[in-house]
Amino acid sequence: MESVELDRLIERRASREPDPDQLEPSYAESVRRYNTGRREANRAEWAAYHAEQAERLRRNLAALISHHEARAAALNPHPLVQGTRPVAGFAAGTGGGAG
């Protein structure tokens, strides 16, 4: 019973929608131009979003890096050569190797 009603609804709806081959060429061209413009606008918006997001991340990460470098410098009374780290368990003040 429900499938009969659904089929009737689909047929009625399909009969109201014009066949794309029966559309006037000027209307079809208008639709094509609109869709092309919409895709280009969306592409431009996404490009702007990603560029802005990259800049936000760059600023935040630079601030985060500076924060951790400052904390490391404050916690390390005997700074080593920049870019090196003490071996775990052998850092100054930890008491040395395995116990």
Protein backbone atom coordinates (compact mmCIF):
# COMPACT_ATOMS: atom_id res chain seq x y z
CA MET A 1 0.00 0.00 0.00
CA GLU A 2 2.73 2.46 0.95
CA SER A 3 4.85 1.59 -2.09
CA VAL A 4 1.91 2.40 -4.38
CA GLU A 5 1.55 5.83 -2.76
CA LEU A 6 5.30 6.37 -2.95
CA ASP A 7 5.36 5.40 -6.65
CA ARG A 8 2.47 7.79 -7.34
CA LEU A 9 4.29 10.61 -5.51
CA ILE A 10 7.50 9.96 -7.45
CA GLU A 11 5.66 9.88 -10.78
CA ARG A 12 3.80 13.12 -9.98
CA ARG A 13 7.04 14.81 -8.94
CA ALA A 14 8.88 13.55 -12.02
CA SER A 15 6.17 14.86 -14.31
CA ARG A 16 6.61 18.38 -12.82
CA GLU A 17 10.37 18.48 -13.31
CA PRO A 18 11.33 19.51 -16.83
CA ASP A 19 13.49 17.20 -18.86
CA PRO A 20 16.97 18.77 -19.15
CA ASP A 21 16.87 18.14 -22.90
CA GLN A 22 13.67 20.21 -23.15
CA LEU A 23 15.07 23.26 -21.38
CA GLU A 24 15.72 26.34 -23.43
CA PRO A 25 19.41 26.64 -24.34
CA SER A 26 19.67 30.09 -22.75
CA TYR A 27 18.31 28.77 -19.44
CA ALA A 28 20.65 25.76 -19.50
CA GLU A 29 23.59 28.10 -20.19
CA SER A 30 22.49 30.35 -17.33
CA VAL A 31 22.40 27.39 -14.95
CA ARG A 32 25.84 26.27 -16.14
CA ARG A 33 27.31 29.77 -15.58
CA TYR A 34 25.69 30.00 -12.14
CA ASN A 35 27.06 26.61 -11.08
CA THR A 36 30.52 27.45 -12.42
CA GLY A 37 30.52 30.77 -10.54
CA ARG A 38 29.36 29.07 -7.36
CA ARG A 39 32.13 26.47 -7.60
CA GLU A 40 34.74 29.18 -8.16
CA ALA A 41 33.42 31.22 -5.21
CA ASN A 42 33.52 28.14 -2.98
CA ARG A 43 37.05 27.34 -4.15
CA ALA A 44 38.16 30.90 -3.35
CA GLU A 45 36.52 30.75 0.10
CA TRP A 46 38.22 27.45 0.92
CA ALA A 47 41.58 28.77 -0.28
CA ALA A 48 41.19 31.84 1.95
CA TYR A 49 40.15 29.68 4.89
CA HIS A 50 43.20 27.43 4.56
CA ALA A 51 45.58 30.37 4.13
CA GLU A 52 44.13 32.09 7.22
CA GLN A 53 44.22 28.86 9.22
CA ALA A 54 47.86 28.31 8.28
CA GLU A 55 48.71 31.83 9.48
CA ARG A 56 46.83 31.30 12.77
CA LEU A 57 48.66 28.04 13.36
CA ARG A 58 52.00 29.64 12.47
CA ARG A 59 51.44 32.41 15.05
CA ASN A 60 50.22 30.02 17.74
CA LEU A 61 53.00 27.53 17.20
CA ALA A 62 55.65 30.26 17.26
CA ALA A 63 54.25 31.46 20.59
CA LEU A 64 54.15 27.89 21.92
CA ILE A 65 57.74 27.24 20.84
CA SER A 66 58.90 30.46 22.52
CA HIS A 67 57.06 29.51 25.70
CA HIS A 68 58.71 26.08 25.88
CA GLU A 69 62.15 27.45 25.06
CA ALA A 70 61.78 30.01 27.87
CA ARG A 71 60.63 27.32 30.32
CA ALA A 72 63.50 25.04 29.33
CA ALA A 73 65.99 27.88 29.78
CA ALA A 74 64.52 28.78 33.16
CA LEU A 75 64.62 25.18 34.39
CA ASN A 76 68.12 24.42 33.12
CA PRO A 77 70.78 26.08 35.30
CA HIS A 78 73.57 24.72 33.07
CA PRO A 79 72.43 25.24 29.49
CA LEU A 80 73.99 22.91 26.98
CA VAL A 81 74.83 23.66 23.40
CA GLN A 82 71.66 24.81 21.67
CA GLY A 83 69.80 21.93 20.09
CA THR A 84 71.20 19.21 22.39
CA ARG A 85 69.41 17.47 25.22
CA PRO A 86 70.71 15.53 28.20
CA VAL A 87 70.26 11.76 28.13
CA ALA A 88 67.33 10.64 30.27
CA GLY A 89 68.44 9.69 33.77
CA PHE A 90 71.76 11.49 33.45
CA ALA A 91 70.60 15.09 33.58
CA ALA A 92 72.21 17.34 36.20
CA GLY A 93 70.48 16.99 39.55
CA THR A 94 68.76 13.66 38.81
CA GLY A 95 71.27 11.53 40.68
CA GLY A 96 72.69 9.78 37.64
CA GLY A 97 71.97 6.39 36.08
CA ALA A 98 70.11 3.35 37.30
CA GLY A 99 69.79 2.99 41.00
